[in-house]
Amino acid sequence: MDEAEVPEPRSPYTTFFLLALAGIAIVVVLVFFLGMTSQPQVLQESPNWTLVSCRDTTGILIPAINSGEVTAQFGRDGNITGFSGCNRYVAAFIKNNDRIRITYPLNTGYICEDAGVMQQEADFYRNLAAAASVSTGPSELDILDTKGATLLVFHRQ
């Protein structure tokens, strides 16, 4: 009578190798099929932009309260920096062609007396984090959501 063969246990190195291989496969899929890269492309030649309008919580695109005071600078290091009406902020971004992903901004945490400015700032941060694509013209930059609706409109400084 033959004894049932018991499979040898898998080496921890084999498990690690298989997990690493799966991770590499995921990165390959993201880079080649979805077009996302870790090296950001700077928007236009001049990365200095001023907010013209912002989508509010009701979904309406309204003119900026502090026209000229809300800014965005897309750096070669993959960070967006600027002034949001009351605070300085920074957020990371990845851009490929017209697609963009932006993290929720970190800010200096000051509280302004003007409640409208504070609401616009909250809407601005929320809209940056909801960005899915960009549309650029000679002097305009539009940030769009996943459905193509405009979230933010900037003019070149």
Protein backbone atom coordinates (compact mmCIF):
# COMPACT_ATOMS: atom_id res chain seq x y z
CA MET A 1 0.00 0.00 0.00
CA ASP A 2 1.38 3.39 -1.01
CA GLU A 3 1.42 6.14 1.50
CA ALA A 4 -0.27 9.36 0.39
CA GLU A 5 2.32 11.84 -0.70
CA VAL A 6 2.34 15.03 1.32
CA PRO A 7 3.37 18.09 -0.69
CA GLU A 8 6.39 19.90 0.62
CA PRO A 9 5.63 23.25 2.25
CA ARG A 10 6.29 26.32 0.10
CA SER A 11 9.41 28.30 0.91
CA PRO A 12 8.89 31.85 2.28
CA TYR A 13 11.15 33.04 -0.55
CA THR A 14 8.77 31.57 -3.10
CA THR A 15 5.82 33.37 -1.52
CA PHE A 16 7.76 36.64 -1.46
CA PHE A 17 8.77 36.18 -5.10
CA LEU A 18 5.16 35.55 -6.19
CA LEU A 19 3.92 38.64 -4.30
CA ALA A 20 6.68 40.78 -5.84
CA LEU A 21 5.82 39.46 -9.28
CA ALA A 22 2.14 40.31 -8.73
CA GLY A 23 3.11 43.85 -7.62
CA ILE A 24 5.22 44.35 -10.73
CA ALA A 25 2.34 43.14 -12.90
CA ILE A 26 0.01 45.72 -11.30
CA VAL A 27 2.50 48.53 -11.95
CA VAL A 28 2.88 47.44 -15.57
CA VAL A 29 -0.90 47.48 -16.02
CA LEU A 30 -1.18 50.98 -14.50
CA VAL A 31 1.66 52.43 -16.55
CA PHE A 32 1.00 50.87 -19.94
CA PHE A 33 -2.75 50.36 -20.02
CA LEU A 34 -4.00 53.25 -17.90
CA GLY A 35 -1.25 55.65 -18.91
CA MET A 36 -0.39 56.85 -15.39
CA THR A 37 3.24 57.66 -14.68
CA SER A 38 5.10 58.79 -11.61
CA GLN A 39 6.84 61.62 -13.47
CA PRO A 40 4.48 64.60 -13.74
CA GLN A 41 4.31 66.78 -16.79
CA VAL A 42 4.20 70.50 -16.09
CA LEU A 43 1.05 72.22 -17.33
CA GLN A 44 1.99 74.65 -20.12
CA GLU A 45 5.26 76.57 -20.07
CA SER A 46 4.14 78.85 -17.24
CA PRO A 47 2.90 76.91 -14.22
CA ASN A 48 1.34 80.00 -12.55
CA TRP A 49 -2.46 80.05 -12.59
CA THR A 50 -5.16 82.23 -10.95
CA LEU A 51 -8.61 80.87 -10.05
CA VAL A 52 -11.48 82.43 -12.01
CA SER A 53 -14.37 80.16 -10.98
CA CYS A 54 -15.04 77.23 -8.68
CA ARG A 55 -17.86 74.69 -8.41
CA ASP A 56 -19.69 75.07 -5.11
CA THR A 57 -21.35 72.33 -3.04
CA THR A 58 -24.60 72.68 -5.04
CA GLY A 59 -22.74 71.92 -8.28
CA ILE A 60 -22.87 75.46 -9.68
CA LEU A 61 -19.74 77.01 -11.15
CA ILE A 62 -19.44 80.44 -9.51
CA PRO A 63 -16.92 83.28 -9.92
CA ALA A 64 -14.04 83.33 -7.45
CA ILE A 65 -14.61 85.63 -4.47
CA ASN A 66 -11.00 86.74 -4.20
CA SER A 67 -10.33 87.19 -7.89
CA GLY A 68 -6.57 86.99 -8.36
CA GLU A 69 -5.87 85.73 -4.85
CA VAL A 70 -6.44 81.99 -5.30
CA THR A 71 -3.46 80.60 -7.16
CA ALA A 72 -1.99 77.31 -8.33
CA GLN A 73 1.56 76.54 -9.39
CA PHE A 74 2.17 73.09 -10.88
CA GLY A 75 5.78 72.24 -10.13
CA ARG A 76 8.15 69.87 -11.87
CA ASP A 77 8.45 68.03 -8.54
CA GLY A 78 4.83 66.84 -8.79
CA ASN A 79 3.43 69.33 -6.26
CA ILE A 80 0.78 72.00 -6.66
CA THR A 81 1.39 74.97 -4.38
CA GLY A 82 -0.37 78.26 -3.97
CA PHE A 83 -2.64 80.49 -1.95
CA SER A 84 -6.28 79.46 -1.50
CA GLY A 85 -7.79 82.72 -0.27
CA CYS A 86 -6.88 82.34 3.39
CA ASN A 87 -4.15 79.69 3.53
CA ARG A 88 -1.09 78.50 1.65
CA TYR A 89 -1.48 74.91 0.45
CA VAL A 90 0.36 72.03 -1.17
CA ALA A 91 -0.96 68.91 -2.94
CA ALA A 92 0.72 66.19 -4.99
CA PHE A 93 -0.32 65.48 -8.56
CA ILE A 94 0.28 62.98 -11.34
CA LYS A 95 -0.57 64.00 -14.91
CA ASN A 96 -0.54 62.08 -18.16
CA ASN A 97 -1.91 63.70 -21.31
CA ASP A 98 -5.23 65.17 -20.21
CA ARG A 99 -5.69 62.91 -17.16
CA ILE A 100 -4.70 64.12 -13.71
CA ARG A 101 -4.90 62.91 -10.13
CA ILE A 102 -4.47 65.35 -7.23
CA THR A 103 -4.24 64.56 -3.53
CA TYR A 104 -6.33 66.46 -1.00
CA PRO A 105 -4.29 69.60 -0.18
CA LEU A 106 -2.46 70.20 3.08
CA ASN A 107 -2.80 73.81 4.26
CA THR A 108 -1.54 76.21 6.90
CA GLY A 109 -4.78 75.98 8.91
CA TYR A 110 -5.61 79.66 9.38
CA ILE A 111 -9.24 80.67 9.80
CA CYS A 112 -10.44 83.76 7.90
CA GLU A 113 -13.09 86.11 9.23
CA ASP A 114 -14.99 86.00 5.93
CA ALA A 115 -17.15 82.85 5.92
CA GLY A 116 -17.56 83.07 2.13
CA VAL A 117 -13.80 82.89 1.62
CA MET A 118 -13.57 79.90 3.96
CA GLN A 119 -16.39 78.13 2.06
CA GLN A 120 -14.72 78.83 -1.27
CA GLU A 121 -11.45 77.48 0.12
CA ALA A 122 -13.17 74.26 1.23
CA ASP A 123 -14.81 73.92 -2.21
CA PHE A 124 -11.46 74.59 -3.89
CA TYR A 125 -9.72 71.83 -1.90
CA ARG A 126 -12.58 69.39 -2.52
CA ASN A 127 -12.52 70.13 -6.26
CA LEU A 128 -8.76 69.69 -6.52
CA ALA A 129 -9.05 66.26 -4.91
CA ALA A 130 -11.91 65.31 -7.28
CA ALA A 131 -9.90 66.16 -10.42
CA ALA A 132 -9.83 63.53 -13.14
CA SER A 133 -8.77 65.47 -16.23
CA VAL A 134 -7.62 68.86 -17.47
CA SER A 135 -8.41 70.95 -20.49
CA THR A 136 -5.98 73.68 -21.47
CA GLY A 137 -6.13 76.58 -23.86
CA PRO A 138 -3.70 79.40 -24.59
CA SER A 139 -4.49 81.17 -21.32
CA GLU A 140 -7.04 78.95 -19.55
CA LEU A 141 -6.86 75.74 -17.53
CA ASP A 142 -10.02 73.80 -16.65
CA ILE A 143 -10.00 71.03 -14.05
CA LEU A 144 -12.73 68.45 -14.76
CA ASP A 145 -14.31 65.61 -12.81
CA THR A 146 -14.73 62.00 -13.99
CA LYS A 147 -17.91 62.93 -15.92
CA GLY A 148 -16.22 65.85 -17.69
CA ALA A 149 -17.98 68.55 -15.65
CA THR A 150 -15.89 71.63 -14.87
CA LEU A 151 -14.72 71.88 -11.26
CA LEU A 152 -12.23 74.77 -11.43
CA VAL A 153 -11.30 77.38 -14.04
CA PHE A 154 -7.91 79.10 -13.96
CA HIS A 155 -6.35 81.84 -16.09
CA ARG A 156 -2.63 82.10 -16.71
CA GLN A 157 -0.98 84.80 -14.60
